[in-house]
Structures are given as structure tokens and as C-alpha cells.
Protein backbone atom coordinates (compact mmCIF):
# COMPACT_ATOMS: atom_id res chain seq x y z
CA MET A 1 70.66 -31.73 -139.44
CA ALA A 2 68.09 -30.23 -142.28
CA ALA A 3 67.81 -31.89 -145.64
CA ASN A 4 68.90 -29.59 -148.56
CA VAL A 5 65.69 -27.71 -149.63
CA LYS A 6 65.07 -26.31 -152.95
CA ILE A 7 62.17 -24.30 -153.70
CA VAL A 8 61.24 -22.98 -156.79
CA LEU A 9 58.82 -19.88 -157.64
CA ASN A 10 56.32 -19.97 -159.91
CA SER A 11 57.40 -16.74 -161.42
CA PRO A 12 53.89 -16.04 -163.84
CA GLY A 13 51.48 -16.91 -160.41
CA ILE A 14 53.61 -14.91 -158.89
CA ARG A 15 53.35 -11.90 -160.97
CA GLN A 16 49.62 -12.96 -161.47
CA LEU A 17 49.16 -12.50 -157.51
CA LEU A 18 51.10 -8.99 -157.36
CA ARG A 19 48.97 -7.58 -160.10
CA SER A 20 45.64 -9.16 -158.57
CA ASP A 21 42.97 -6.37 -157.92
CA GLU A 22 42.71 -7.47 -154.54
CA VAL A 23 46.71 -6.56 -153.82
CA GLU A 24 46.05 -2.93 -155.65
CA ALA A 25 42.84 -2.44 -153.35
CA ASP A 26 44.60 -3.42 -150.60
CA LEU A 27 47.38 -1.14 -151.47
CA LYS A 28 44.96 1.56 -152.00
CA ARG A 29 43.55 1.21 -149.18
CA ARG A 30 46.42 1.60 -147.19
CA ALA A 31 47.89 4.57 -149.06
CA ASP A 32 44.18 6.54 -148.61
CA ALA A 33 44.75 5.80 -144.67
CA VAL A 34 48.38 7.54 -144.95
CA ALA A 35 46.56 10.57 -146.93
CA GLN A 36 44.10 10.83 -144.32
CA ALA A 37 46.50 10.57 -141.76
CA ALA A 38 48.52 13.37 -143.00
CA GLY A 39 45.86 15.95 -143.53
CA ASP A 40 44.36 18.28 -146.24
CA GLY A 41 46.27 18.39 -149.63
CA HIS A 42 47.16 14.70 -149.71
CA ALA A 43 45.87 12.22 -152.14
CA ALA A 44 46.38 8.43 -152.72
CA ASP A 45 46.59 6.91 -155.89
CA SER A 46 47.11 3.26 -157.07
CA ALA A 47 48.23 1.80 -160.46
CA LYS A 48 49.28 -1.16 -161.99
CA GLY A 49 52.32 -1.61 -163.26
CA ALA A 50 54.00 -4.41 -165.54
CA ASN A 51 55.31 -7.19 -162.89
CA ARG A 52 52.83 -5.28 -160.08
CA ALA A 53 50.37 -3.27 -158.07
CA ARG A 54 51.53 -0.05 -156.94
CA ALA A 55 50.10 2.88 -154.55
CA SER A 56 51.23 6.14 -154.07
CA VAL A 57 50.95 9.75 -151.58
CA VAL A 58 51.55 12.99 -153.05
CA THR A 59 51.11 16.41 -151.92
CA GLU A 60 48.93 18.14 -154.02
CA THR A 61 48.99 21.93 -152.16
CA PHE A 62 51.41 24.38 -151.67
CA GLU A 63 50.64 24.23 -148.16
CA ALA A 64 50.87 20.43 -147.65
CA ILE A 65 53.95 20.60 -149.72
CA ARG A 66 55.42 22.93 -146.85
CA SER A 67 54.29 20.77 -144.16
CA GLU A 68 56.31 17.62 -145.57
CA SER A 69 59.49 19.86 -145.98
CA GLU A 70 59.37 21.01 -142.57
CA ASN A 71 57.52 18.34 -140.39
CA HIS A 72 57.99 15.50 -142.68
CA THR A 73 54.09 14.95 -142.36
CA LEU A 74 54.54 11.85 -144.94
CA THR A 75 56.74 10.17 -143.01
CA ALA A 76 54.62 10.61 -139.71
CA ALA A 77 51.67 9.28 -141.39
CA LEU A 78 53.30 6.02 -142.20
CA ASP A 79 51.79 4.01 -139.45
CA ALA A 80 48.39 4.69 -140.46
CA GLY A 81 48.84 2.22 -143.52
CA ARG A 82 49.76 -0.50 -141.44
CA GLY A 83 47.49 -3.53 -140.94
């Protein structure tokens, strides 16, 4: 039988890791790949929040908005951001 294991997280350390330049760069790389797979009119951006880095892909043109609405272009492009 397994012994009881207690895990204590180092919250400041985790926050530091989640806000690191390396994590932000990886998220930006993945968002860029999704934006490229989605096609023209899509753009990627990244930023650091209070607790973690984040990245997003947005539509910038009417054509991209229409394509997202009718064809779910961003959802279809998500696999490009894996790995």
C-alpha cells in the first residue's frame, strides 16, 4: 500500500516560472503557428499578467472574421500550436 504523500507547492516559484521569458516565448511561438495556419487576417500577441504569461490569436480583417464565423478557422488551426 502506498504511503500518504503530501505535496507542498512553492507558489512564488511557480508564479516566477509561469511569468518567465521562456514560457512567454513558447506561448508566442505556438500562437504564431496558429495564426499562420489560420491564414491572412489573423495575428498573434503575447503578454505577461500578474500571475502568468499568455498568448492569443485574433482576427484583424473582415474577411478573417467572416471565415471564423462561417468556417471556425481558428478552431481548425489549433493543432498547429501543439508541440
